[in-house]
PDB file of N, CA and C in Angstrom:
ATOM      1  N   UNK A   1      19.843  -4.391  -8.240  1.00  0.00           N
ATOM      2  CA  UNK A   1      19.823  -4.017  -6.841  1.00  0.00           C
ATOM      3  C   UNK A   1      18.441  -4.324  -6.271  1.00  0.00           C
ATOM      4  N   UNK A   2      18.405  -5.011  -5.154  1.00  0.00           N
ATOM      5  CA  UNK A   2      17.152  -5.295  -4.464  1.00  0.00           C
ATOM      6  C   UNK A   2      16.921  -4.245  -3.389  1.00  0.00           C
ATOM      7  N   UNK A   3      15.687  -3.814  -3.284  1.00  0.00           N
ATOM      8  CA  UNK A   3      15.308  -2.880  -2.233  1.00  0.00           C
ATOM      9  C   UNK A   3      14.251  -3.585  -1.401  1.00  0.00           C
ATOM     10  N   UNK A   4      14.455  -3.634  -0.102  1.00  0.00           N
ATOM     11  CA  UNK A   4      13.504  -4.302   0.776  1.00  0.00           C
ATOM     12  C   UNK A   4      12.703  -3.262   1.545  1.00  0.00           C
ATOM     13  N   UNK A   5      11.403  -3.431   1.500  1.00  0.00           N
ATOM     14  CA  UNK A   5      10.493  -2.511   2.163  1.00  0.00           C
ATOM     15  C   UNK A   5       9.600  -3.327   3.086  1.00  0.00           C
ATOM     16  N   UNK A   6       9.470  -2.897   4.314  1.00  0.00           N
ATOM     17  CA  UNK A   6       8.562  -3.570   5.230  1.00  0.00           C
ATOM     18  C   UNK A   6       7.128  -3.384   4.718  1.00  0.00           C
ATOM     19  N   UNK A   7       6.357  -4.466   4.749  1.00  0.00           N
ATOM     20  CA  UNK A   7       4.990  -4.381   4.243  1.00  0.00           C
ATOM     21  C   UNK A   7       4.141  -3.392   5.031  1.00  0.00           C
ATOM     22  N   UNK A   8       4.414  -3.226   6.313  1.00  0.00           N
ATOM     23  CA  UNK A   8       3.624  -2.276   7.091  1.00  0.00           C
ATOM     24  C   UNK A   8       3.786  -0.852   6.571  1.00  0.00           C
ATOM     25  N   UNK A   9       4.893  -0.578   5.874  1.00  0.00           N
ATOM     26  CA  UNK A   9       5.114   0.759   5.315  1.00  0.00           C
ATOM     27  C   UNK A   9       4.013   1.102   4.314  1.00  0.00           C
ATOM     28  N   UNK A  10       3.611   0.119   3.515  1.00  0.00           N
ATOM     29  CA  UNK A  10       2.551   0.368   2.551  1.00  0.00           C
ATOM     30  C   UNK A  10       1.238   0.715   3.253  1.00  0.00           C
ATOM     31  N   UNK A  11       1.024   0.155   4.417  1.00  0.00           N
ATOM     32  CA  UNK A  11      -0.202   0.431   5.162  1.00  0.00           C
ATOM     33  C   UNK A  11      -0.181   1.823   5.782  1.00  0.00           C
ATOM     34  N   UNK A  12       0.990   2.309   6.163  1.00  0.00           N
ATOM     35  CA  UNK A  12       1.048   3.629   6.794  1.00  0.00           C
ATOM     36  C   UNK A  12       1.253   4.764   5.791  1.00  0.00           C
ATOM     37  N   UNK A  13       1.471   4.432   4.537  1.00  0.00           N
ATOM     38  CA  UNK A  13       1.641   5.459   3.506  1.00  0.00           C
ATOM     39  C   UNK A  13       0.324   6.172   3.194  1.00  0.00           C
ATOM     40  N   UNK A  14      -0.786   5.476   3.295  1.00  0.00           N
ATOM     41  CA  UNK A  14      -2.076   6.028   2.858  1.00  0.00           C
ATOM     42  C   UNK A  14      -2.390   7.401   3.432  1.00  0.00           C
ATOM     43  N   UNK A  15      -2.352   7.623   4.747  1.00  0.00           N
ATOM     44  CA  UNK A  15      -2.686   8.970   5.248  1.00  0.00           C
ATOM     45  C   UNK A  15      -1.774  10.059   4.677  1.00  0.00           C
ATOM     46  N   UNK A  16      -0.507   9.738   4.506  1.00  0.00           N
ATOM     47  CA  UNK A  16       0.434  10.713   3.956  1.00  0.00           C
ATOM     48  C   UNK A  16       0.157  10.964   2.476  1.00  0.00           C
ATOM     49  N   UNK A  17      -0.193   9.911   1.770  1.00  0.00           N
ATOM     50  CA  UNK A  17      -0.554  10.032   0.358  1.00  0.00           C
ATOM     51  C   UNK A  17      -1.784  10.921   0.205  1.00  0.00           C
ATOM     52  N   UNK A  18      -2.812  10.654   1.004  1.00  0.00           N
ATOM     53  CA  UNK A  18      -4.044  11.442   0.918  1.00  0.00           C
ATOM     54  C   UNK A  18      -3.789  12.908   1.250  1.00  0.00           C
ATOM     55  N   UNK A  19      -2.999  13.142   2.259  1.00  0.00           N
ATOM     56  CA  UNK A  19      -2.675  14.509   2.657  1.00  0.00           C
ATOM     57  C   UNK A  19      -1.898  15.239   1.561  1.00  0.00           C
ATOM     58  N   UNK A  20      -1.105  14.501   0.830  1.00  0.00           N
ATOM     59  CA  UNK A  20      -0.290  15.092  -0.236  1.00  0.00           C
ATOM     60  C   UNK A  20      -1.103  15.424  -1.475  1.00  0.00           C
ATOM     61  N   UNK A  21      -2.022  14.531  -1.860  1.00  0.00           N
ATOM     62  CA  UNK A  21      -2.769  14.773  -3.100  1.00  0.00           C
ATOM     63  C   UNK A  21      -3.983  15.669  -2.914  1.00  0.00           C
ATOM     64  N   UNK A  22      -4.507  15.751  -1.691  1.00  0.00           N
ATOM     65  CA  UNK A  22      -5.731  16.532  -1.466  1.00  0.00           C
ATOM     66  C   UNK A  22      -5.638  17.970  -1.977  1.00  0.00           C
ATOM     67  N   UNK A  23      -4.577  18.711  -1.700  1.00  0.00           N
ATOM     68  CA  UNK A  23      -4.520  20.098  -2.186  1.00  0.00           C
ATOM     69  C   UNK A  23      -4.567  20.210  -3.719  1.00  0.00           C
ATOM     70  N   UNK A  24      -4.131  19.175  -4.400  1.00  0.00           N
ATOM     71  CA  UNK A  24      -4.080  19.223  -5.863  1.00  0.00           C
ATOM     72  C   UNK A  24      -5.418  18.877  -6.518  1.00  0.00           C
ATOM     73  N   UNK A  25      -6.272  18.195  -5.753  1.00  0.00           N
ATOM     74  CA  UNK A  25      -7.586  17.830  -6.309  1.00  0.00           C
ATOM     75  C   UNK A  25      -8.712  18.233  -5.361  1.00  0.00           C
ATOM     76  N   UNK A  26      -8.485  19.291  -4.600  1.00  0.00           N
ATOM     77  CA  UNK A  26      -9.444  19.778  -3.607  1.00  0.00           C
ATOM     78  C   UNK A  26     -10.839  19.987  -4.204  1.00  0.00           C
ATOM     79  N   UNK A  27     -10.863  20.438  -5.423  1.00  0.00           N
ATOM     80  CA  UNK A  27     -12.133  20.727  -6.096  1.00  0.00           C
ATOM     81  C   UNK A  27     -13.018  19.484  -6.196  1.00  0.00           C
ATOM     82  N   UNK A  28     -12.395  18.310  -6.305  1.00  0.00           N
ATOM     83  CA  UNK A  28     -13.131  17.059  -6.483  1.00  0.00           C
ATOM     84  C   UNK A  28     -13.178  16.205  -5.213  1.00  0.00           C
ATOM     85  N   UNK A  29     -12.578  16.678  -4.141  1.00  0.00           N
ATOM     86  CA  UNK A  29     -12.395  15.887  -2.924  1.00  0.00           C
ATOM     87  C   UNK A  29     -13.727  15.606  -2.222  1.00  0.00           C
ATOM     88  N   UNK A  30     -13.877  14.380  -1.734  1.00  0.00           N
ATOM     89  CA  UNK A  30     -15.068  14.004  -0.971  1.00  0.00           C
ATOM     90  C   UNK A  30     -14.731  12.830  -0.065  1.00  0.00           C
ATOM     91  N   UNK A  31     -15.628  12.535   0.864  1.00  0.00           N
ATOM     92  CA  UNK A  31     -15.440  11.369   1.736  1.00  0.00           C
ATOM     93  C   UNK A  31     -15.436  10.082   0.925  1.00  0.00           C
ATOM     94  N   UNK A  32     -16.242  10.050  -0.137  1.00  0.00           N
ATOM     95  CA  UNK A  32     -16.265   8.865  -1.001  1.00  0.00           C
ATOM     96  C   UNK A  32     -14.910   8.644  -1.670  1.00  0.00           C
ATOM     97  N   UNK A  33     -14.260   9.736  -2.051  1.00  0.00           N
ATOM     98  CA  UNK A  33     -12.954   9.608  -2.686  1.00  0.00           C
ATOM     99  C   UNK A  33     -11.942   9.029  -1.701  1.00  0.00           C
ATOM    100  N   UNK A  34     -11.993   9.466  -0.449  1.00  0.00           N
ATOM    101  CA  UNK A  34     -11.093   8.940   0.577  1.00  0.00           C
ATOM    102  C   UNK A  34     -11.314   7.436   0.732  1.00  0.00           C
ATOM    103  N   UNK A  35     -12.565   7.020   0.807  1.00  0.00           N
ATOM    104  CA  UNK A  35     -12.869   5.593   0.954  1.00  0.00           C
ATOM    105  C   UNK A  35     -12.411   4.793  -0.269  1.00  0.00           C
ATOM    106  N   UNK A  36     -12.514   5.394  -1.435  1.00  0.00           N
ATOM    107  CA  UNK A  36     -12.062   4.723  -2.653  1.00  0.00           C
ATOM    108  C   UNK A  36     -10.555   4.522  -2.629  1.00  0.00           C
ATOM    109  N   UNK A  37      -9.811   5.542  -2.220  1.00  0.00           N
ATOM    110  CA  UNK A  37      -8.359   5.400  -2.106  1.00  0.00           C
ATOM    111  C   UNK A  37      -7.992   4.333  -1.075  1.00  0.00           C
ATOM    112  N   UNK A  38      -8.723   4.305   0.044  1.00  0.00           N
ATOM    113  CA  UNK A  38      -8.456   3.287   1.071  1.00  0.00           C
ATOM    114  C   UNK A  38      -8.685   1.884   0.510  1.00  0.00           C
ATOM    115  N   UNK A  39      -9.762   1.724  -0.244  1.00  0.00           N
ATOM    116  CA  UNK A  39     -10.055   0.421  -0.845  1.00  0.00           C
ATOM    117  C   UNK A  39      -8.976   0.030  -1.850  1.00  0.00           C
ATOM    118  N   UNK A  40      -8.517   0.982  -2.653  1.00  0.00           N
ATOM    119  CA  UNK A  40      -7.470   0.699  -3.628  1.00  0.00           C
ATOM    120  C   UNK A  40      -6.175   0.273  -2.932  1.00  0.00           C
ATOM    121  N   UNK A  41      -5.777   1.000  -1.899  1.00  0.00           N
ATOM    122  CA  UNK A  41      -4.574   0.623  -1.165  1.00  0.00           C
ATOM    123  C   UNK A  41      -4.727  -0.753  -0.529  1.00  0.00           C
ATOM    124  N   UNK A  42      -5.905  -1.064  -0.012  1.00  0.00           N
ATOM    125  CA  UNK A  42      -6.146  -2.384   0.582  1.00  0.00           C
ATOM    126  C   UNK A  42      -5.976  -3.480  -0.473  1.00  0.00           C
ATOM    127  N   UNK A  43      -6.486  -3.245  -1.672  1.00  0.00           N
ATOM    128  CA  UNK A  43      -6.323  -4.224  -2.760  1.00  0.00           C
ATOM    129  C   UNK A  43      -4.861  -4.382  -3.163  1.00  0.00           C
ATOM    130  N   UNK A  44      -4.162  -3.281  -3.277  1.00  0.00           N
ATOM    131  CA  UNK A  44      -2.742  -3.334  -3.642  1.00  0.00           C
ATOM    132  C   UNK A  44      -1.971  -4.135  -2.600  1.00  0.00           C
ATOM    133  N   UNK A  45      -2.191  -3.841  -1.330  1.00  0.00           N
ATOM    134  CA  UNK A  45      -1.492  -4.537  -0.255  1.00  0.00           C
ATOM    135  C   UNK A  45      -1.849  -6.016  -0.262  1.00  0.00           C
ATOM    136  N   UNK A  46      -3.123  -6.328  -0.457  1.00  0.00           N
ATOM    137  CA  UNK A  46      -3.556  -7.728  -0.488  1.00  0.00           C
ATOM    138  C   UNK A  46      -2.823  -8.499  -1.590  1.00  0.00           C
ATOM    139  N   UNK A  47      -2.815  -7.950  -2.795  1.00  0.00           N
ATOM    140  CA  UNK A  47      -2.186  -8.662  -3.908  1.00  0.00           C
ATOM    141  C   UNK A  47      -0.666  -8.706  -3.788  1.00  0.00           C
ATOM    142  N   UNK A  48      -0.083  -7.709  -3.162  1.00  0.00           N
ATOM    143  CA  UNK A  48       1.354  -7.761  -2.918  1.00  0.00           C
ATOM    144  C   UNK A  48       1.665  -8.899  -1.945  1.00  0.00           C
ATOM    145  N   UNK A  49       0.861  -9.029  -0.892  1.00  0.00           N
ATOM    146  CA  UNK A  49       1.060 -10.107   0.068  1.00  0.00           C
ATOM    147  C   UNK A  49       0.836 -11.462  -0.583  1.00  0.00           C
ATOM    148  N   UNK A  50      -0.169 -11.556  -1.431  1.00  0.00           N
ATOM    149  CA  UNK A  50      -0.427 -12.808  -2.146  1.00  0.00           C
ATOM    150  C   UNK A  50       0.748 -13.160  -3.055  1.00  0.00           C
ATOM    151  N   UNK A  51       1.276 -12.172  -3.752  1.00  0.00           N
ATOM    152  CA  UNK A  51       2.400 -12.408  -4.651  1.00  0.00           C
ATOM    153  C   UNK A  51       3.635 -12.856  -3.911  1.00  0.00           C
ATOM    154  N   UNK A  52       3.888 -12.251  -2.776  1.00  0.00           N
ATOM    155  CA  UNK A  52       5.034 -12.647  -1.972  1.00  0.00           C
ATOM    156  C   UNK A  52       4.846 -14.081  -1.495  1.00  0.00           C
ATOM    157  N   UNK A  53       3.624 -14.415  -1.080  1.00  0.00           N
ATOM    158  CA  UNK A  53       3.336 -15.770  -0.619  1.00  0.00           C
ATOM    159  C   UNK A  53       3.505 -16.802  -1.718  1.00  0.00           C
ATOM    160  N   UNK A  54       3.090 -16.476  -2.918  1.00  0.00           N
ATOM    161  CA  UNK A  54       3.216 -17.403  -4.047  1.00  0.00           C
ATOM    162  C   UNK A  54       4.662 -17.570  -4.501  1.00  0.00           C
ATOM    163  N   UNK A  55       5.484 -16.605  -4.167  1.00  0.00           N
ATOM    164  CA  UNK A  55       6.890 -16.687  -4.549  1.00  0.00           C
ATOM    165  C   UNK A  55       7.675 -17.593  -3.612  1.00  0.00           C
ATOM    166  N   UNK A  56       6.971 -18.213  -2.679  1.00  0.00           N
ATOM    167  CA  UNK A  56       7.622 -19.151  -1.784  1.00  0.00           C
ATOM    168  C   UNK A  56       8.173 -18.536  -0.515  1.00  0.00           C
ATOM    169  N   UNK A  57       7.759 -17.315  -0.230  1.00  0.00           N
ATOM    170  CA  UNK A  57       8.206 -16.663   0.990  1.00  0.00           C
ATOM    171  C   UNK A  57       7.352 -17.158   2.147  1.00  0.00           C
ATOM    172  N   UNK A  58       7.978 -17.421   3.254  1.00  0.00           N
ATOM    173  CA  UNK A  58       7.275 -17.867   4.453  1.00  0.00           C
ATOM    174  C   UNK A  58       6.248 -16.806   4.846  1.00  0.00           C
ATOM    175  N   UNK A  59       4.990 -17.210   5.004  1.00  0.00           N
ATOM    176  CA  UNK A  59       3.916 -16.260   5.321  1.00  0.00           C
ATOM    177  C   UNK A  59       4.196 -15.505   6.617  1.00  0.00           C
ATOM    178  N   UNK A  60       4.943 -16.098   7.530  1.00  0.00           N
ATOM    179  CA  UNK A  60       5.257 -15.405   8.780  1.00  0.00           C
ATOM    180  C   UNK A  60       6.162 -14.207   8.534  1.00  0.00           C
ATOM    181  N   UNK A  61       6.850 -14.170   7.417  1.00  0.00           N
ATOM    182  CA  UNK A  61       7.757 -13.074   7.107  1.00  0.00           C
ATOM    183  C   UNK A  61       7.091 -11.963   6.289  1.00  0.00           C
ATOM    184  N   UNK A  62       5.832 -12.148   5.937  1.00  0.00           N
ATOM    185  CA  UNK A  62       5.152 -11.144   5.119  1.00  0.00           C
ATOM    186  C   UNK A  62       5.143  -9.772   5.761  1.00  0.00           C
ATOM    187  N   UNK A  63       5.006  -9.726   7.063  1.00  0.00           N
ATOM    188  CA  UNK A  63       4.955  -8.431   7.729  1.00  0.00           C
ATOM    189  C   UNK A  63       6.331  -7.807   7.857  1.00  0.00           C
ATOM    190  N   UNK A  64       7.369  -8.549   7.473  1.00  0.00           N
ATOM    191  CA  UNK A  64       8.713  -8.032   7.644  1.00  0.00           C
ATOM    192  C   UNK A  64       9.218  -7.283   6.427  1.00  0.00           C
ATOM    193  N   UNK A  65       9.318  -7.948   5.281  1.00  0.00           N
ATOM    194  CA  UNK A  65       9.885  -7.258   4.121  1.00  0.00           C
ATOM    195  C   UNK A  65       9.194  -7.637   2.818  1.00  0.00           C
ATOM    196  N   UNK A  66       9.297  -6.749   1.871  1.00  0.00           N
ATOM    197  CA  UNK A  66       8.828  -6.951   0.515  1.00  0.00           C
ATOM    198  C   UNK A  66       9.955  -6.496  -0.395  1.00  0.00           C
ATOM    199  N   UNK A  67      10.363  -7.353  -1.293  1.00  0.00           N
ATOM    200  CA  UNK A  67      11.500  -7.036  -2.150  1.00  0.00           C
ATOM    201  C   UNK A  67      11.048  -6.379  -3.439  1.00  0.00           C
ATOM    202  N   UNK A  68      11.668  -5.271  -3.780  1.00  0.00           N
ATOM    203  CA  UNK A  68      11.405  -4.568  -5.025  1.00  0.00           C
ATOM    204  C   UNK A  68      12.693  -4.622  -5.835  1.00  0.00           C
ATOM    205  N   UNK A  69      12.628  -5.247  -7.009  1.00  0.00           N
ATOM    206  CA  UNK A  69      13.849  -5.341  -7.814  1.00  0.00           C
ATOM    207  C   UNK A  69      13.752  -4.496  -9.057  1.00  0.00           C
TER     208      UNK A  69
END
């Protein structure tokens, strides 16, 4: 079964992810940690877009869907 996810979804997940994990690691929470998570998500999104592009998907469609099989 293929599941298609719009790539923009990965970009909007970050604030919700941070809000969800913060209460569980409040003791260690800092502005640096937030920036680190943002950088990690940026890298994940970048490499996902690169992978989709290398798979022969039209770059104009990158913002539309990402297939998860």
